[in-house]
Every structure is written in structure tokens, then in C-alpha cells.
Amino acid sequence: MRNRTVADLMTPTAVAVQPGTSFKEIARLLDEYGITAVPVVDEAHRPVGVVSEADLLRRHSAKDGPSTAGAMMSSPVVVARPSWTAVEAARLMERHRVKRLPVVDAGGQLIGVLSRSDLLQLFLRRDRSIQEEILEDVVIRILGLSPAALHVDVDEGRVTLSGTLTRRSLSPVFVRLCESVDGVVEVVDRLSYEDEDAAGDEDEHLAEDRAPELGQERVGDPDPGHGAAVEGLRPPGV
């Protein structure tokens, strides 16, 4: 199973402007391409800021100062890498209260833009596809269980798990792995158990240990160093 990454969801070859681009030219680009913001890049095509519709309206209301992209842009800019998971990108958007992320390559050059609407594509996935992935990858390959005793029903991204597990302690692991599947909105646990055992350390960490097999970051708290990595992705001098 492979979870979709920022590279899969972003809009490639994004529209961008230079710091000296005028107010009217930015407004024209936003209208022409049907977008609400545009990255500002330097001569090396590295993002140094973002100009949004809100920035244009503020400058128009103020009616003072230069009306160029460099003067109006929000800076410093927070960027994403194409290899990041959708979860990582969504958390970064929430943390910094932004609606879009310029995406840069290893050299810091702009290669695309990821918006909230791009992330919503994950939830347009067909229910049958979600069901097949849970049965084949989560139930059989990762947990090593027989699907004969389990039922996975998916309706509009809402997953309902029923049937019988060998141990109760597998239930939270099963649920967390299902939650990590692309397109899942909610997981409802209606499972029964052959053995009412208490969850041990091995079961408690199984979902986290198997998360890389799902093509996703570990389930749970974000990487403590993630914030530092974000700072390091800002272009030099920004």
C-alpha cells in the first residue's frame, strides 16, 4: 500500500511572480488562473513570499506605499517537500494557519503549490478502493489475520469494522491502521473478541511499528524535530 504524497496532490509548475511584479499584474494572474494566491520567487526561482487576494485588498484599502509583490507579500514563506505525506502537509498548514504551501525541490526551487482543496482529493476516493486496501494490506499483509471472520463496510469514507478478532488488544491497533488509509473519514469499531485480553506493549506499538509499511509517518505525535526541518526549508535570507 502506498499513501499519496505532496507530489501526487500538488499543482505542478505553479504560477509565480517576481518581487517587482505590479498590483494589476498579480490581480490579472489570480483572475486568469482561478487562484487565490501566488508565490513570489527570487531570480533563482526560490520562494520568498506569497501574495494573496487578502494582501491585494489590504493594500488597495491602505492606498499608501509601493504596490509590488515584494511590498505586499506575506513573508517568510513556509514550504513543503514533494516526498512528504498528506498528513505532514496538513499538520504544517494547521500549525502555521496557512491555506497553501509552495513545494520546493532539493535545491529550494519552486516546483508546485499544495492547497487545502488539493488535500481534499484524498476524500474523493471510491469506497470500494478503500475497502480493498484495508482487507488486503491492513488485515492480511500487516496484521496477518484471516478476512473470513471480519467485515469491513465503507460508506462515504466511513469505515465500519465488525466480526471477531482473536484478542481484544488487537482492536485499537486495527482501528488506528484503518484511520491511516487514504480517504478514510471515520472508523466505527463494532468488533467482538474471542479473548478479552488486556493490551500489552507489543500490541500497543504495533500500529506505530507498521506505519512505514503503510507508506506513512508513524501514527501518533508528530516528529519532535519536524518544526526545525520546516525552518530549514525556508530559502536562504528569508
C-alpha atoms as a PDB file:
ATOM      1  CA  MET A   1       0.000   0.000   0.000  1.00  0.00           C
ATOM      2  CA  ARG A   2       1.285   3.467  -0.881  1.00  0.00           C
ATOM      3  CA  ASN A   3      -0.211   6.640   0.578  1.00  0.00           C
ATOM      4  CA  ARG A   4      -0.294   9.612  -1.731  1.00  0.00           C
ATOM      5  CA  THR A   5       2.348  12.252  -1.204  1.00  0.00           C
ATOM      6  CA  VAL A   6       2.546  16.004  -1.715  1.00  0.00           C
ATOM      7  CA  ALA A   7       3.963  15.338  -5.195  1.00  0.00           C
ATOM      8  CA  ASP A   8       0.830  13.342  -6.082  1.00  0.00           C
ATOM      9  CA  LEU A   9      -1.587  16.033  -4.886  1.00  0.00           C
ATOM     10  CA  MET A  10       0.098  19.367  -5.636  1.00  0.00           C
ATOM     11  CA  THR A  11      -0.498  21.573  -8.661  1.00  0.00           C
ATOM     12  CA  PRO A  12       2.812  21.353 -10.582  1.00  0.00           C
ATOM     13  CA  THR A  13       4.586  24.156 -12.425  1.00  0.00           C
ATOM     14  CA  ALA A  14       2.842  26.728 -10.283  1.00  0.00           C
ATOM     15  CA  VAL A  15       2.196  30.290 -11.410  1.00  0.00           C
ATOM     16  CA  ALA A  16       4.702  32.600  -9.721  1.00  0.00           C
ATOM     17  CA  VAL A  17       5.687  36.273  -9.756  1.00  0.00           C
ATOM     18  CA  GLN A  18       8.836  38.296  -9.090  1.00  0.00           C
ATOM     19  CA  PRO A  19       9.176  40.797  -6.200  1.00  0.00           C
ATOM     20  CA  GLY A  20       8.811  43.643  -8.698  1.00  0.00           C
ATOM     21  CA  THR A  21       5.544  42.393 -10.240  1.00  0.00           C
ATOM     22  CA  SER A  22       2.830  45.052 -10.090  1.00  0.00           C
ATOM     23  CA  PHE A  23      -0.523  45.020  -8.261  1.00  0.00           C
ATOM     24  CA  LYS A  24      -2.515  44.913 -11.509  1.00  0.00           C
ATOM     25  CA  GLU A  25      -0.448  42.070 -12.985  1.00  0.00           C
ATOM     26  CA  ILE A  26      -0.921  39.970  -9.849  1.00  0.00           C
ATOM     27  CA  ALA A  27      -4.666  40.627  -9.881  1.00  0.00           C
ATOM     28  CA  ARG A  28      -4.796  39.617 -13.551  1.00  0.00           C
ATOM     29  CA  LEU A  29      -2.943  36.346 -12.862  1.00  0.00           C
ATOM     30  CA  LEU A  30      -5.221  35.443  -9.944  1.00  0.00           C
ATOM     31  CA  ASP A  31      -8.261  36.001 -12.147  1.00  0.00           C
ATOM     32  CA  GLU A  32      -6.842  34.259 -15.218  1.00  0.00           C
ATOM     33  CA  TYR A  33      -5.797  31.080 -13.392  1.00  0.00           C
ATOM     34  CA  GLY A  34      -8.658  30.997 -10.894  1.00  0.00           C
ATOM     35  CA  ILE A  35      -6.362  31.014  -7.867  1.00  0.00           C
ATOM     36  CA  THR A  36      -6.463  32.953  -4.598  1.00  0.00           C
ATOM     37  CA  ALA A  37      -2.730  33.458  -4.037  1.00  0.00           C
ATOM     38  CA  VAL A  38       0.556  33.328  -5.903  1.00  0.00           C
ATOM     39  CA  PRO A  39       4.135  32.571  -4.723  1.00  0.00           C
ATOM     40  CA  VAL A  40       6.789  35.246  -5.052  1.00  0.00           C
ATOM     41  CA  VAL A  41      10.164  33.887  -6.215  1.00  0.00           C
ATOM     42  CA  ASP A  42      13.670  35.331  -6.485  1.00  0.00           C
ATOM     43  CA  GLU A  43      15.926  35.149  -9.551  1.00  0.00           C
ATOM     44  CA  ALA A  44      16.829  31.544  -8.692  1.00  0.00           C
ATOM     45  CA  HIS A  45      13.108  30.604  -8.614  1.00  0.00           C
ATOM     46  CA  ARG A  46      13.178  30.086  -4.849  1.00  0.00           C
ATOM     47  CA  PRO A  47      10.012  31.196  -2.995  1.00  0.00           C
ATOM     48  CA  VAL A  48      10.472  34.259  -0.783  1.00  0.00           C
ATOM     49  CA  GLY A  49       6.828  35.062  -0.024  1.00  0.00           C
ATOM     50  CA  VAL A  50       3.176  34.708  -1.026  1.00  0.00           C
ATOM     51  CA  VAL A  51       0.705  37.361  -2.233  1.00  0.00           C
ATOM     52  CA  SER A  52      -2.976  36.541  -1.650  1.00  0.00           C
ATOM     53  CA  GLU A  53      -6.248  38.227  -2.525  1.00  0.00           C
ATOM     54  CA  ALA A  54      -6.352  39.472   1.068  1.00  0.00           C
ATOM     55  CA  ASP A  55      -2.937  41.140   0.620  1.00  0.00           C
ATOM     56  CA  LEU A  56      -4.196  42.927  -2.505  1.00  0.00           C
ATOM     57  CA  LEU A  57      -7.337  44.151  -0.736  1.00  0.00           C
ATOM     58  CA  ARG A  58      -5.344  45.415   2.243  1.00  0.00           C
ATOM     59  CA  ARG A  59      -3.004  47.376   0.004  1.00  0.00           C
ATOM     60  CA  HIS A  60      -5.900  48.801  -2.000  1.00  0.00           C
ATOM     61  CA  SER A  61      -7.645  49.936   1.199  1.00  0.00           C
ATOM     62  CA  ALA A  62      -4.480  51.474   2.631  1.00  0.00           C
ATOM     63  CA  LYS A  63      -3.665  53.352  -0.600  1.00  0.00           C
ATOM     64  CA  ASP A  64      -0.098  54.027   0.510  1.00  0.00           C
ATOM     65  CA  GLY A  65       3.324  52.523  -0.154  1.00  0.00           C
ATOM     66  CA  PRO A  66       4.563  50.622  -3.210  1.00  0.00           C
ATOM     67  CA  SER A  67       2.147  48.184  -4.851  1.00  0.00           C
ATOM     68  CA  THR A  68       4.617  45.485  -5.853  1.00  0.00           C
ATOM     69  CA  ALA A  69       4.685  41.830  -4.922  1.00  0.00           C
ATOM     70  CA  GLY A  70       7.739  42.355  -2.716  1.00  0.00           C
ATOM     71  CA  ALA A  71       5.957  45.064  -0.720  1.00  0.00           C
ATOM     72  CA  MET A  72       2.638  43.241  -0.369  1.00  0.00           C
ATOM     73  CA  MET A  73       3.728  39.630   0.146  1.00  0.00           C
ATOM     74  CA  SER A  74       3.460  37.656   3.369  1.00  0.00           C
ATOM     75  CA  SER A  75       6.933  36.537   4.425  1.00  0.00           C
ATOM     76  CA  PRO A  76       8.775  34.413   5.493  1.00  0.00           C
ATOM     77  CA  VAL A  77       7.233  31.629   3.473  1.00  0.00           C
ATOM     78  CA  VAL A  78       6.618  28.124   4.809  1.00  0.00           C
ATOM     79  CA  VAL A  79       7.253  25.411   2.210  1.00  0.00           C
ATOM     80  CA  ALA A  80       6.794  21.659   1.767  1.00  0.00           C
ATOM     81  CA  ARG A  81       8.782  18.851   0.158  1.00  0.00           C
ATOM     82  CA  PRO A  82       7.290  16.663  -2.598  1.00  0.00           C
ATOM     83  CA  SER A  83       8.043  13.459  -0.639  1.00  0.00           C
ATOM     84  CA  TRP A  84       6.002  14.488   2.422  1.00  0.00           C
ATOM     85  CA  THR A  85       2.764  12.705   3.230  1.00  0.00           C
ATOM     86  CA  ALA A  86      -0.564  14.484   3.034  1.00  0.00           C
ATOM     87  CA  VAL A  87      -0.784  14.217   6.827  1.00  0.00           C
ATOM     88  CA  GLU A  88       2.518  16.058   7.296  1.00  0.00           C
ATOM     89  CA  ALA A  89       1.435  18.821   4.913  1.00  0.00           C
ATOM     90  CA  ALA A  90      -1.975  19.178   6.570  1.00  0.00           C
ATOM     91  CA  ARG A  91      -0.390  19.457  10.025  1.00  0.00           C
ATOM     92  CA  LEU A  92       2.001  22.118   8.745  1.00  0.00           C
ATOM     93  CA  MET A  93      -0.887  24.130   7.272  1.00  0.00           C
ATOM     94  CA  GLU A  94      -2.759  23.927  10.577  1.00  0.00           C
ATOM     95  CA  ARG A  95       0.310  24.832  12.644  1.00  0.00           C
ATOM     96  CA  HIS A  96       1.086  27.937  10.590  1.00  0.00           C
ATOM     97  CA  ARG A  97      -2.554  28.851   9.779  1.00  0.00           C
ATOM     98  CA  VAL A  98      -1.933  28.884   6.019  1.00  0.00           C
ATOM     99  CA  LYS A  99      -4.185  27.702   3.180  1.00  0.00           C
ATOM    100  CA  ARG A 100      -1.469  26.708   0.741  1.00  0.00           C
ATOM    101  CA  LEU A 101       2.167  25.591   0.694  1.00  0.00           C
ATOM    102  CA  PRO A 102       4.725  26.245  -2.045  1.00  0.00           C
ATOM    103  CA  VAL A 103       6.509  22.965  -2.794  1.00  0.00           C
ATOM    104  CA  VAL A 104      10.264  23.040  -3.393  1.00  0.00           C
ATOM    105  CA  ASP A 105      12.839  20.560  -4.654  1.00  0.00           C
ATOM    106  CA  ALA A 106      16.160  19.665  -3.018  1.00  0.00           C
ATOM    107  CA  GLY A 107      17.665  22.929  -4.274  1.00  0.00           C
ATOM    108  CA  GLY A 108      14.880  25.055  -2.792  1.00  0.00           C
ATOM    109  CA  GLN A 109      13.358  25.894  -6.192  1.00  0.00           C
ATOM    110  CA  LEU A 110       9.597  26.118  -6.621  1.00  0.00           C
ATOM    111  CA  ILE A 111       8.079  23.062  -8.345  1.00  0.00           C
ATOM    112  CA  GLY A 112       4.419  23.328  -7.341  1.00  0.00           C
ATOM    113  CA  VAL A 113       1.812  24.500  -4.848  1.00  0.00           C
ATOM    114  CA  LEU A 114      -0.297  22.411  -2.479  1.00  0.00           C
ATOM    115  CA  SER A 115      -3.642  23.872  -1.365  1.00  0.00           C
ATOM    116  CA  ARG A 116      -6.318  22.726   1.054  1.00  0.00           C
ATOM    117  CA  SER A 117      -8.517  21.824  -1.912  1.00  0.00           C
ATOM    118  CA  ASP A 118      -5.731  19.551  -3.198  1.00  0.00           C
ATOM    119  CA  LEU A 119      -5.724  17.700   0.130  1.00  0.00           C
ATOM    120  CA  LEU A 120      -9.473  17.193  -0.125  1.00  0.00           C
ATOM    121  CA  GLN A 121      -8.846  14.946  -3.149  1.00  0.00           C
ATOM    122  CA  LEU A 122      -7.969  12.212  -0.658  1.00  0.00           C
ATOM    123  CA  PHE A 123     -11.580  12.063   0.472  1.00  0.00           C
ATOM    124  CA  LEU A 124     -12.945  11.639  -3.046  1.00  0.00           C
ATOM    125  CA  ARG A 125     -11.587   8.102  -3.167  1.00  0.00           C
ATOM    126  CA  ARG A 126     -14.070   5.335  -4.015  1.00  0.00           C
ATOM    127  CA  ASP A 127     -15.421   3.306  -1.093  1.00  0.00           C
ATOM    128  CA  ARG A 128     -14.620   0.016  -2.850  1.00  0.00           C
ATOM    129  CA  SER A 129     -10.974   1.036  -3.226  1.00  0.00           C
ATOM    130  CA  ILE A 130     -10.739   1.880   0.487  1.00  0.00           C
ATOM    131  CA  GLN A 131     -12.351  -1.433   1.439  1.00  0.00           C
ATOM    132  CA  GLU A 132      -9.965  -3.447  -0.740  1.00  0.00           C
ATOM    133  CA  GLU A 133      -6.929  -1.670   0.687  1.00  0.00           C
ATOM    134  CA  ILE A 134      -7.991  -2.334   4.293  1.00  0.00           C
ATOM    135  CA  LEU A 135      -8.656  -6.019   3.618  1.00  0.00           C
ATOM    136  CA  GLU A 136      -5.575  -6.713   1.535  1.00  0.00           C
ATOM    137  CA  ASP A 137      -2.969  -4.518   3.230  1.00  0.00           C
ATOM    138  CA  VAL A 138      -4.135  -3.960   6.805  1.00  0.00           C
ATOM    139  CA  VAL A 139      -5.941  -7.237   7.581  1.00  0.00           C
ATOM    140  CA  ILE A 140      -3.901  -9.743   5.570  1.00  0.00           C
ATOM    141  CA  ARG A 141      -0.438  -8.267   4.993  1.00  0.00           C
ATOM    142  CA  ILE A 142       0.167  -6.205   8.133  1.00  0.00           C
ATOM    143  CA  LEU A 143      -1.907  -7.876  10.847  1.00  0.00           C
ATOM    144  CA  GLY A 144      -1.691 -11.364   9.349  1.00  0.00           C
ATOM    145  CA  LEU A 145      -5.375 -12.059  10.010  1.00  0.00           C
ATOM    146  CA  SER A 146      -7.903 -14.056   8.009  1.00  0.00           C
ATOM    147  CA  PRO A 147     -10.542 -11.805   6.402  1.00  0.00           C
ATOM    148  CA  ALA A 148     -13.114 -14.596   6.679  1.00  0.00           C
ATOM    149  CA  ALA A 149     -14.022 -13.659  10.267  1.00  0.00           C
ATOM    150  CA  LEU A 150     -14.021  -9.895   9.684  1.00  0.00           C
ATOM    151  CA  HIS A 151     -16.327  -7.488   7.863  1.00  0.00           C
ATOM    152  CA  VAL A 152     -15.223  -4.121   6.516  1.00  0.00           C
ATOM    153  CA  ASP A 153     -18.031  -1.880   5.286  1.00  0.00           C
ATOM    154  CA  VAL A 154     -17.292   1.535   3.776  1.00  0.00           C
ATOM    155  CA  ASP A 155     -19.905   4.214   3.118  1.00  0.00           C
ATOM    156  CA  GLU A 156     -18.822   7.709   2.007  1.00  0.00           C
ATOM    157  CA  GLY A 157     -15.413   7.138   3.616  1.00  0.00           C
ATOM    158  CA  ARG A 158     -16.935   5.970   6.926  1.00  0.00           C
ATOM    159  CA  VAL A 159     -15.466   2.549   7.788  1.00  0.00           C
ATOM    160  CA  THR A 160     -17.402   0.131   9.997  1.00  0.00           C
ATOM    161  CA  LEU A 161     -15.449  -2.849  11.368  1.00  0.00           C
ATOM    162  CA  SER A 162     -17.361  -5.899  12.557  1.00  0.00           C
ATOM    163  CA  GLY A 163     -16.728  -9.602  13.039  1.00  0.00           C
ATOM    164  CA  THR A 164     -14.488 -11.436  15.511  1.00  0.00           C
ATOM    165  CA  LEU A 165     -10.855 -10.782  16.436  1.00  0.00           C
ATOM    166  CA  THR A 166      -8.799 -13.348  18.330  1.00  0.00           C
ATOM    167  CA  ARG A 167      -7.855 -10.783  21.006  1.00  0.00           C
ATOM    168  CA  ARG A 168      -9.414  -7.532  22.228  1.00  0.00           C
ATOM    169  CA  SER A 169      -5.983  -5.894  22.324  1.00  0.00           C
ATOM    170  CA  LEU A 170      -5.835  -6.021  18.507  1.00  0.00           C
ATOM    171  CA  SER A 171      -8.854  -3.736  18.199  1.00  0.00           C
ATOM    172  CA  PRO A 172      -7.151  -0.337  18.799  1.00  0.00           C
ATOM    173  CA  VAL A 173      -4.300  -1.390  16.505  1.00  0.00           C
ATOM    174  CA  PHE A 174      -6.738  -2.383  13.763  1.00  0.00           C
ATOM    175  CA  VAL A 175      -8.655   0.893  14.114  1.00  0.00           C
ATOM    176  CA  ARG A 176      -5.556   3.086  14.023  1.00  0.00           C
ATOM    177  CA  LEU A 177      -4.206   1.358  10.924  1.00  0.00           C
ATOM    178  CA  CYS A 178      -7.560   1.802   9.176  1.00  0.00           C
ATOM    179  CA  GLU A 179      -7.569   5.500  10.102  1.00  0.00           C
ATOM    180  CA  SER A 180      -4.237   5.887   8.289  1.00  0.00           C
ATOM    181  CA  VAL A 181      -5.650   4.691   4.960  1.00  0.00           C
ATOM    182  CA  ASP A 182      -6.157   7.438   2.377  1.00  0.00           C
ATOM    183  CA  GLY A 183      -9.789   8.528   2.091  1.00  0.00           C
ATOM    184  CA  VAL A 184     -10.968   7.278   5.488  1.00  0.00           C
ATOM    185  CA  VAL A 185     -13.116   9.868   7.265  1.00  0.00           C
ATOM    186  CA  GLU A 186     -14.115   7.869  10.356  1.00  0.00           C
ATOM    187  CA  VAL A 187     -13.725   4.338  11.752  1.00  0.00           C
ATOM    188  CA  VAL A 188     -16.534   2.691  13.769  1.00  0.00           C
ATOM    189  CA  ASP A 189     -15.490  -0.281  15.922  1.00  0.00           C
ATOM    190  CA  ARG A 190     -18.204  -2.963  16.265  1.00  0.00           C
ATOM    191  CA  LEU A 191     -15.790  -5.860  16.708  1.00  0.00           C
ATOM    192  CA  SER A 192     -16.196  -8.782  19.073  1.00  0.00           C
ATOM    193  CA  TYR A 193     -13.389 -10.890  20.552  1.00  0.00           C
ATOM    194  CA  GLU A 194     -12.534 -14.493  21.324  1.00  0.00           C
ATOM    195  CA  ASP A 195     -10.155 -13.476  24.127  1.00  0.00           C
ATOM    196  CA  GLU A 196     -10.789 -10.449  26.390  1.00  0.00           C
ATOM    197  CA  ASP A 197      -7.076  -9.854  26.981  1.00  0.00           C
ATOM    198  CA  ALA A 198      -5.574  -6.515  28.028  1.00  0.00           C
ATOM    199  CA  ALA A 199      -3.429  -4.666  25.544  1.00  0.00           C
ATOM    200  CA  GLY A 200       0.261  -5.358  26.052  1.00  0.00           C
ATOM    201  CA  ASP A 201       3.247  -3.288  24.985  1.00  0.00           C
ATOM    202  CA  GLU A 202       3.702  -5.355  21.822  1.00  0.00           C
ATOM    203  CA  ASP A 203       0.170  -4.647  20.621  1.00  0.00           C
ATOM    204  CA  GLU A 204       0.304  -1.040  21.811  1.00  0.00           C
ATOM    205  CA  HIS A 205       3.219  -0.243  19.496  1.00  0.00           C
ATOM    206  CA  LEU A 206       2.283  -2.448  16.552  1.00  0.00           C
ATOM    207  CA  ALA A 207       0.479   0.310  14.650  1.00  0.00           C
ATOM    208  CA  GLU A 208       3.459   2.638  15.046  1.00  0.00           C
ATOM    209  CA  ASP A 209       5.990  -0.026  14.040  1.00  0.00           C
ATOM    210  CA  ARG A 210       3.977  -0.957  10.950  1.00  0.00           C
ATOM    211  CA  ALA A 211       3.218   2.646   9.896  1.00  0.00           C
ATOM    212  CA  PRO A 212       6.180   2.783   7.468  1.00  0.00           C
ATOM    213  CA  GLU A 213       4.673  -0.220   5.655  1.00  0.00           C
ATOM    214  CA  LEU A 214       1.613   1.930   5.001  1.00  0.00           C
ATOM    215  CA  GLY A 215       3.841   4.470   3.290  1.00  0.00           C
ATOM    216  CA  GLN A 216       3.016   6.953   6.026  1.00  0.00           C
ATOM    217  CA  GLU A 217       4.572   8.597   9.038  1.00  0.00           C
ATOM    218  CA  ARG A 218       4.263   6.861  12.388  1.00  0.00           C
ATOM    219  CA  VAL A 219       0.827   7.070  13.941  1.00  0.00           C
ATOM    220  CA  GLY A 220       0.777   9.368  16.954  1.00  0.00           C
ATOM    221  CA  ASP A 221       2.622  12.548  17.835  1.00  0.00           C
ATOM    222  CA  PRO A 222       4.500  14.465  15.139  1.00  0.00           C
ATOM    223  CA  ASP A 223       8.258  14.124  14.904  1.00  0.00           C
ATOM    224  CA  PRO A 224       9.746  16.436  17.573  1.00  0.00           C
ATOM    225  CA  GLY A 225      12.225  17.725  15.029  1.00  0.00           C
ATOM    226  CA  HIS A 226       9.625  18.424  12.380  1.00  0.00           C
ATOM    227  CA  GLY A 227       9.380  22.117  13.203  1.00  0.00           C
ATOM    228  CA  ALA A 228      13.127  22.526  12.860  1.00  0.00           C
ATOM    229  CA  ALA A 229      13.020  20.815   9.490  1.00  0.00           C
ATOM    230  CA  VAL A 230      10.404  23.292   8.321  1.00  0.00           C
ATOM    231  CA  GLU A 231      12.592  26.219   9.317  1.00  0.00           C
ATOM    232  CA  GLY A 232      15.446  24.673   7.361  1.00  0.00           C
ATOM    233  CA  LEU A 233      13.327  24.565   4.217  1.00  0.00           C
ATOM    234  CA  ARG A 234      12.927  28.308   4.116  1.00  0.00           C
ATOM    235  CA  PRO A 235      15.083  29.804   1.375  1.00  0.00           C
ATOM    236  CA  PRO A 236      18.330  31.466   2.478  1.00  0.00           C
ATOM    237  CA  GLY A 237      17.895  35.071   3.518  1.00  0.00           C
ATOM    238  CA  VAL A 238      14.115  34.735   4.030  1.00  0.00           C
END
